[in-house]
Amino acid sequence: MALRVTFVAAAGSSSALAERFEDARPLDRAGWNEVQQVAHELLPLAAADLRYCSPAPRSRATGDGLGYAPLVQLALRDCDMGRWRGLTLGEAMAREPQAVDAWLADPCSAPYGGESLPDFIGRVGGWLDTRPVEDGCRVVAVAEPSVIRAALVYVLKAPPATYWSIDVRSLSTITVAGRAGRWNLRLEGAGAQPTRA
């Protein structure tokens, strides 16, 4: 039995505003415009058997804007960044340069007092592994790019440092197929014939 999960990256905020750790800002006008521009392409995912989103305001608004009416999943929340919550990387670096350097050098560290990267990856992977499995079941999950990066590291069974090498752009999609402990990354394009997982 296999499950097919398509992750949709939440729409971004205005490029004039730097990305923040555990960003709790709502979707702004630029984000809404992004959603409207791609809605026709992503609307078919609303036919998924199960539709989820992270609790982040941008993820919830993106899912609603795409017509998914998703169910919020706490396990899909962003990494707990402790005292760096709401800061940009530059702001954290200005306040605690050695702590930021240590964190970037060792993904197992959590000098900010929150969740370590391996714990974050494990939490997102645990959510994936506990999805109800019915052969051919399709799931869509709207989440912050960081959550999707964590899911990909988990699926690929890659070292935690791989997290820093994955670029997830707003409103991009990625599909994984399989079941608990046995996932495959599935790339589909215009020329690919979609198949049931």
C-alpha atoms as a PDB file:
ATOM      1  CA  MET A   1       0.000   0.000   0.000  1.00  0.00           C
ATOM      2  CA  ALA A   2       1.305   3.451  -0.923  1.00  0.00           C
ATOM      3  CA  LEU A   3       0.456   7.031  -0.173  1.00  0.00           C
ATOM      4  CA  ARG A   4       1.170  10.080  -2.305  1.00  0.00           C
ATOM      5  CA  VAL A   5       1.857  13.376  -0.493  1.00  0.00           C
ATOM      6  CA  THR A   6       2.284  16.610  -2.432  1.00  0.00           C
ATOM      7  CA  PHE A   7       3.773  19.488  -0.493  1.00  0.00           C
ATOM      8  CA  VAL A   8       2.947  23.028  -1.629  1.00  0.00           C
ATOM      9  CA  ALA A   9       5.228  25.792  -0.356  1.00  0.00           C
ATOM     10  CA  ALA A  10       3.345  28.690   1.208  1.00  0.00           C
ATOM     11  CA  ALA A  11       3.261  31.931  -0.732  1.00  0.00           C
ATOM     12  CA  GLY A  12       5.969  34.369   0.292  1.00  0.00           C
ATOM     13  CA  SER A  13       5.701  37.809   1.751  1.00  0.00           C
ATOM     14  CA  SER A  14       6.944  40.944   0.048  1.00  0.00           C
ATOM     15  CA  SER A  15      10.579  40.663  -1.008  1.00  0.00           C
ATOM     16  CA  ALA A  16      11.199  43.999   0.744  1.00  0.00           C
ATOM     17  CA  LEU A  17      10.771  42.173   4.042  1.00  0.00           C
ATOM     18  CA  ALA A  18      13.465  39.705   5.026  1.00  0.00           C
ATOM     19  CA  GLU A  19      12.460  36.159   5.966  1.00  0.00           C
ATOM     20  CA  ARG A  20      12.173  35.618   9.693  1.00  0.00           C
ATOM     21  CA  PHE A  21      12.552  32.539  11.878  1.00  0.00           C
ATOM     22  CA  GLU A  22       9.092  31.148  12.685  1.00  0.00           C
ATOM     23  CA  ASP A  23       7.539  33.918  10.627  1.00  0.00           C
ATOM     24  CA  ALA A  24       4.076  34.654  12.023  1.00  0.00           C
ATOM     25  CA  ARG A  25       3.240  37.471   9.612  1.00  0.00           C
ATOM     26  CA  PRO A  26       0.060  37.105   7.569  1.00  0.00           C
ATOM     27  CA  LEU A  27       0.096  36.778   3.809  1.00  0.00           C
ATOM     28  CA  ASP A  28       0.540  40.251   2.345  1.00  0.00           C
ATOM     29  CA  ARG A  29      -0.647  41.700  -0.977  1.00  0.00           C
ATOM     30  CA  ALA A  30       2.406  40.378  -2.841  1.00  0.00           C
ATOM     31  CA  GLY A  31       1.719  36.884  -1.480  1.00  0.00           C
ATOM     32  CA  TRP A  32      -1.950  37.051  -2.454  1.00  0.00           C
ATOM     33  CA  ASN A  33      -0.942  38.108  -5.961  1.00  0.00           C
ATOM     34  CA  GLU A  34       1.373  35.069  -6.150  1.00  0.00           C
ATOM     35  CA  VAL A  35      -1.485  32.767  -5.104  1.00  0.00           C
ATOM     36  CA  GLN A  36      -3.842  34.255  -7.699  1.00  0.00           C
ATOM     37  CA  GLN A  37      -1.254  33.873 -10.476  1.00  0.00           C
ATOM     38  CA  VAL A  38      -0.770  30.127  -9.911  1.00  0.00           C
ATOM     39  CA  ALA A  39      -4.174  29.132  -8.527  1.00  0.00           C
ATOM     40  CA  HIS A  40      -5.318  27.629 -11.855  1.00  0.00           C
ATOM     41  CA  GLU A  41      -2.244  25.353 -11.902  1.00  0.00           C
ATOM     42  CA  LEU A  42      -2.534  24.235  -8.270  1.00  0.00           C
ATOM     43  CA  LEU A  43      -6.323  23.999  -8.031  1.00  0.00           C
ATOM     44  CA  PRO A  44      -6.397  20.325  -9.164  1.00  0.00           C
ATOM     45  CA  LEU A  45      -4.615  19.414  -5.909  1.00  0.00           C
ATOM     46  CA  ALA A  46      -7.840  20.357  -4.092  1.00  0.00           C
ATOM     47  CA  ALA A  47      -9.160  16.963  -5.238  1.00  0.00           C
ATOM     48  CA  ALA A  48      -6.733  15.236  -2.830  1.00  0.00           C
ATOM     49  CA  ASP A  49      -8.304  12.792  -0.396  1.00  0.00           C
ATOM     50  CA  LEU A  50      -6.789  14.685   2.569  1.00  0.00           C
ATOM     51  CA  ARG A  51      -5.748  18.367   2.689  1.00  0.00           C
ATOM     52  CA  TYR A  52      -3.493  19.776   5.418  1.00  0.00           C
ATOM     53  CA  CYS A  53      -1.502  22.896   6.230  1.00  0.00           C
ATOM     54  CA  SER A  54       0.953  24.118   8.818  1.00  0.00           C
ATOM     55  CA  PRO A  55      -0.371  26.484  11.501  1.00  0.00           C
ATOM     56  CA  ALA A  56       1.653  29.413  10.097  1.00  0.00           C
ATOM     57  CA  PRO A  57      -0.625  32.248   8.901  1.00  0.00           C
ATOM     58  CA  ARG A  58       0.922  32.242   5.412  1.00  0.00           C
ATOM     59  CA  SER A  59       0.406  28.501   5.011  1.00  0.00           C
ATOM     60  CA  ARG A  60      -3.202  28.631   6.174  1.00  0.00           C
ATOM     61  CA  ALA A  61      -3.964  31.613   3.913  1.00  0.00           C
ATOM     62  CA  THR A  62      -2.243  29.952   0.938  1.00  0.00           C
ATOM     63  CA  GLY A  63      -4.246  26.743   1.406  1.00  0.00           C
ATOM     64  CA  ASP A  64      -7.496  28.674   1.723  1.00  0.00           C
ATOM     65  CA  GLY A  65      -6.613  30.889  -1.244  1.00  0.00           C
ATOM     66  CA  LEU A  66      -6.034  27.803  -3.397  1.00  0.00           C
ATOM     67  CA  GLY A  67      -9.420  26.386  -2.401  1.00  0.00           C
ATOM     68  CA  TYR A  68      -8.052  23.476  -0.359  1.00  0.00           C
ATOM     69  CA  ALA A  69      -9.851  24.209   2.953  1.00  0.00           C
ATOM     70  CA  PRO A  70      -6.923  22.478   4.725  1.00  0.00           C
ATOM     71  CA  LEU A  71      -6.868  21.025   8.228  1.00  0.00           C
ATOM     72  CA  VAL A  72      -4.141  22.582  10.419  1.00  0.00           C
ATOM     73  CA  GLN A  73      -1.445  20.140  11.567  1.00  0.00           C
ATOM     74  CA  LEU A  74       0.719  21.235  14.513  1.00  0.00           C
ATOM     75  CA  ALA A  75       3.437  18.760  13.516  1.00  0.00           C
ATOM     76  CA  LEU A  76       3.936  20.802  10.326  1.00  0.00           C
ATOM     77  CA  ARG A  77       4.880  23.950  12.257  1.00  0.00           C
ATOM     78  CA  ASP A  78       8.224  25.599  11.619  1.00  0.00           C
ATOM     79  CA  CYS A  79      11.307  24.700  13.653  1.00  0.00           C
ATOM     80  CA  ASP A  80      11.153  26.061  17.215  1.00  0.00           C
ATOM     81  CA  MET A  81      13.850  28.745  17.092  1.00  0.00           C
ATOM     82  CA  GLY A  82      13.679  29.673  20.761  1.00  0.00           C
ATOM     83  CA  ARG A  83      14.929  33.189  21.434  1.00  0.00           C
ATOM     84  CA  TRP A  84      15.570  33.772  17.710  1.00  0.00           C
ATOM     85  CA  ARG A  85      11.863  33.529  16.891  1.00  0.00           C
ATOM     86  CA  GLY A  86      10.798  36.486  14.762  1.00  0.00           C
ATOM     87  CA  LEU A  87      14.383  37.509  13.934  1.00  0.00           C
ATOM     88  CA  THR A  88      16.048  37.501  10.544  1.00  0.00           C
ATOM     89  CA  LEU A  89      19.305  35.573  10.205  1.00  0.00           C
ATOM     90  CA  GLY A  90      21.109  38.943  10.029  1.00  0.00           C
ATOM     91  CA  GLU A  91      19.495  40.107  13.274  1.00  0.00           C
ATOM     92  CA  ALA A  92      20.431  36.870  15.027  1.00  0.00           C
ATOM     93  CA  MET A  93      23.977  37.206  13.678  1.00  0.00           C
ATOM     94  CA  ALA A  94      24.236  40.799  14.973  1.00  0.00           C
ATOM     95  CA  ARG A  95      23.083  39.709  18.447  1.00  0.00           C
ATOM     96  CA  GLU A  96      24.833  36.324  18.734  1.00  0.00           C
ATOM     97  CA  PRO A  97      27.452  35.863  15.996  1.00  0.00           C
ATOM     98  CA  GLN A  98      29.200  32.923  17.665  1.00  0.00           C
ATOM     99  CA  ALA A  99      25.928  31.111  18.306  1.00  0.00           C
ATOM    100  CA  VAL A 100      24.844  31.532  14.665  1.00  0.00           C
ATOM    101  CA  ASP A 101      28.238  30.281  13.441  1.00  0.00           C
ATOM    102  CA  ALA A 102      27.986  27.257  15.754  1.00  0.00           C
ATOM    103  CA  TRP A 103      24.477  26.483  14.539  1.00  0.00           C
ATOM    104  CA  LEU A 104      25.420  26.699  10.855  1.00  0.00           C
ATOM    105  CA  ALA A 105      28.506  24.532  11.443  1.00  0.00           C
ATOM    106  CA  ASP A 106      26.736  21.872  13.528  1.00  0.00           C
ATOM    107  CA  PRO A 107      23.117  21.107  12.597  1.00  0.00           C
ATOM    108  CA  CYS A 108      22.723  19.086  15.805  1.00  0.00           C
ATOM    109  CA  SER A 109      23.220  22.178  17.943  1.00  0.00           C
ATOM    110  CA  ALA A 110      20.435  24.480  19.112  1.00  0.00           C
ATOM    111  CA  PRO A 111      22.214  27.504  20.634  1.00  0.00           C
ATOM    112  CA  TYR A 112      18.996  29.542  20.378  1.00  0.00           C
ATOM    113  CA  GLY A 113      17.342  27.347  22.994  1.00  0.00           C
ATOM    114  CA  GLY A 114      14.777  25.692  20.731  1.00  0.00           C
ATOM    115  CA  GLU A 115      14.491  22.580  18.607  1.00  0.00           C
ATOM    116  CA  SER A 116      17.593  21.104  16.945  1.00  0.00           C
ATOM    117  CA  LEU A 117      17.548  20.497  13.219  1.00  0.00           C
ATOM    118  CA  PRO A 118      17.537  16.668  13.623  1.00  0.00           C
ATOM    119  CA  ASP A 119      14.598  16.961  16.042  1.00  0.00           C
ATOM    120  CA  PHE A 120      12.729  19.192  13.576  1.00  0.00           C
ATOM    121  CA  ILE A 121      13.398  16.786  10.698  1.00  0.00           C
ATOM    122  CA  GLY A 122      12.280  13.869  12.877  1.00  0.00           C
ATOM    123  CA  ARG A 123       9.058  15.634  13.865  1.00  0.00           C
ATOM    124  CA  VAL A 124       8.109  16.379  10.242  1.00  0.00           C
ATOM    125  CA  GLY A 125       9.107  12.841   9.208  1.00  0.00           C
ATOM    126  CA  GLY A 126       7.041  11.417  12.052  1.00  0.00           C
ATOM    127  CA  TRP A 127       4.016  13.303  10.733  1.00  0.00           C
ATOM    128  CA  LEU A 128       4.624  11.875   7.278  1.00  0.00           C
ATOM    129  CA  ASP A 129       4.995   8.338   8.633  1.00  0.00           C
ATOM    130  CA  THR A 130       1.711   8.524  10.547  1.00  0.00           C
ATOM    131  CA  ARG A 131      -0.503   9.518   7.627  1.00  0.00           C
ATOM    132  CA  PRO A 132      -3.287   7.004   7.018  1.00  0.00           C
ATOM    133  CA  VAL A 133      -2.184   4.676   4.252  1.00  0.00           C
ATOM    134  CA  GLU A 134      -4.701   3.553   1.689  1.00  0.00           C
ATOM    135  CA  ASP A 135      -3.486   2.408  -1.690  1.00  0.00           C
ATOM    136  CA  GLY A 136      -3.607   5.341  -4.069  1.00  0.00           C
ATOM    137  CA  CYS A 137      -4.554   7.864  -1.377  1.00  0.00           C
ATOM    138  CA  ARG A 138      -3.532  11.416  -2.294  1.00  0.00           C
ATOM    139  CA  VAL A 139      -2.626  14.071   0.266  1.00  0.00           C
ATOM    140  CA  VAL A 140      -1.771  17.748  -0.178  1.00  0.00           C
ATOM    141  CA  ALA A 141       0.038  19.696   2.546  1.00  0.00           C
ATOM    142  CA  VAL A 142       0.700  23.440   2.407  1.00  0.00           C
ATOM    143  CA  ALA A 143       3.686  24.344   4.568  1.00  0.00           C
ATOM    144  CA  GLU A 144       6.519  26.777   5.036  1.00  0.00           C
ATOM    145  CA  PRO A 145       9.599  26.094   2.860  1.00  0.00           C
ATOM    146  CA  SER A 146      11.590  25.062   5.955  1.00  0.00           C
ATOM    147  CA  VAL A 147       9.080  22.288   6.708  1.00  0.00           C
ATOM    148  CA  ILE A 148       9.311  20.998   3.136  1.00  0.00           C
ATOM    149  CA  ARG A 149      13.116  20.996   3.330  1.00  0.00           C
ATOM    150  CA  ALA A 150      12.888  18.960   6.540  1.00  0.00           C
ATOM    151  CA  ALA A 151      10.495  16.492   4.868  1.00  0.00           C
ATOM    152  CA  LEU A 152      12.860  16.041   1.917  1.00  0.00           C
ATOM    153  CA  VAL A 153      15.860  15.392   4.177  1.00  0.00           C
ATOM    154  CA  TYR A 154      13.780  12.785   6.021  1.00  0.00           C
ATOM    155  CA  VAL A 155      12.495  11.099   2.852  1.00  0.00           C
ATOM    156  CA  LEU A 156      15.969  10.929   1.315  1.00  0.00           C
ATOM    157  CA  LYS A 157      17.503   9.738   4.613  1.00  0.00           C
ATOM    158  CA  ALA A 158      20.130  12.414   4.068  1.00  0.00           C
ATOM    159  CA  PRO A 159      22.419  13.896   6.729  1.00  0.00           C
ATOM    160  CA  PRO A 160      20.866  16.885   8.551  1.00  0.00           C
ATOM    161  CA  ALA A 161      23.396  19.282   6.963  1.00  0.00           C
ATOM    162  CA  THR A 162      21.688  18.565   3.617  1.00  0.00           C
ATOM    163  CA  TYR A 163      18.869  20.803   4.857  1.00  0.00           C
ATOM    164  CA  TRP A 164      20.991  23.880   4.050  1.00  0.00           C
ATOM    165  CA  SER A 165      21.399  22.761   0.413  1.00  0.00           C
ATOM    166  CA  ILE A 166      17.709  22.558  -0.485  1.00  0.00           C
ATOM    167  CA  ASP A 167      16.014  25.628  -1.975  1.00  0.00           C
ATOM    168  CA  VAL A 168      12.213  25.597  -1.804  1.00  0.00           C
ATOM    169  CA  ARG A 169      10.560  28.510  -3.563  1.00  0.00           C
ATOM    170  CA  SER A 170       7.138  29.835  -2.698  1.00  0.00           C
ATOM    171  CA  LEU A 171       4.252  27.950  -4.313  1.00  0.00           C
ATOM    172  CA  SER A 172       6.527  25.214  -5.633  1.00  0.00           C
ATOM    173  CA  THR A 173       5.368  21.620  -5.264  1.00  0.00           C
ATOM    174  CA  ILE A 174       7.143  18.380  -4.497  1.00  0.00           C
ATOM    175  CA  THR A 175       5.621  14.921  -4.217  1.00  0.00           C
ATOM    176  CA  VAL A 176       6.745  11.973  -2.120  1.00  0.00           C
ATOM    177  CA  ALA A 177       5.236   8.519  -2.379  1.00  0.00           C
ATOM    178  CA  GLY A 178       5.394   5.472  -0.162  1.00  0.00           C
ATOM    179  CA  ARG A 179       4.617   4.617   3.426  1.00  0.00           C
ATOM    180  CA  ALA A 180       6.195   4.827   6.890  1.00  0.00           C
ATOM    181  CA  GLY A 181       9.954   4.424   6.698  1.00  0.00           C
ATOM    182  CA  ARG A 182       9.929   3.874   2.942  1.00  0.00           C
ATOM    183  CA  TRP A 183       9.494   7.034   0.909  1.00  0.00           C
ATOM    184  CA  ASN A 184      10.499   8.021  -2.609  1.00  0.00           C
ATOM    185  CA  LEU A 185      10.884  11.464  -4.088  1.00  0.00           C
ATOM    186  CA  ARG A 186       8.692  11.828  -7.151  1.00  0.00           C
ATOM    187  CA  LEU A 187       9.439  14.484  -9.768  1.00  0.00           C
ATOM    188  CA  GLU A 188       6.707  15.127 -12.272  1.00  0.00           C
ATOM    189  CA  GLY A 189       6.753  17.610 -15.123  1.00  0.00           C
ATOM    190  CA  ALA A 190       4.744  18.642 -18.126  1.00  0.00           C
ATOM    191  CA  GLY A 191       6.056  15.715 -20.165  1.00  0.00           C
ATOM    192  CA  ALA A 192       5.694  13.116 -17.421  1.00  0.00           C
ATOM    193  CA  GLN A 193       2.658  10.899 -17.275  1.00  0.00           C
ATOM    194  CA  PRO A 194       1.367  10.922 -13.716  1.00  0.00           C
ATOM    195  CA  THR A 195       0.964   7.477 -12.209  1.00  0.00           C
ATOM    196  CA  ARG A 196      -0.680   6.251  -9.052  1.00  0.00           C
ATOM    197  CA  ALA A 197       1.787   5.678  -6.226  1.00  0.00           C
END
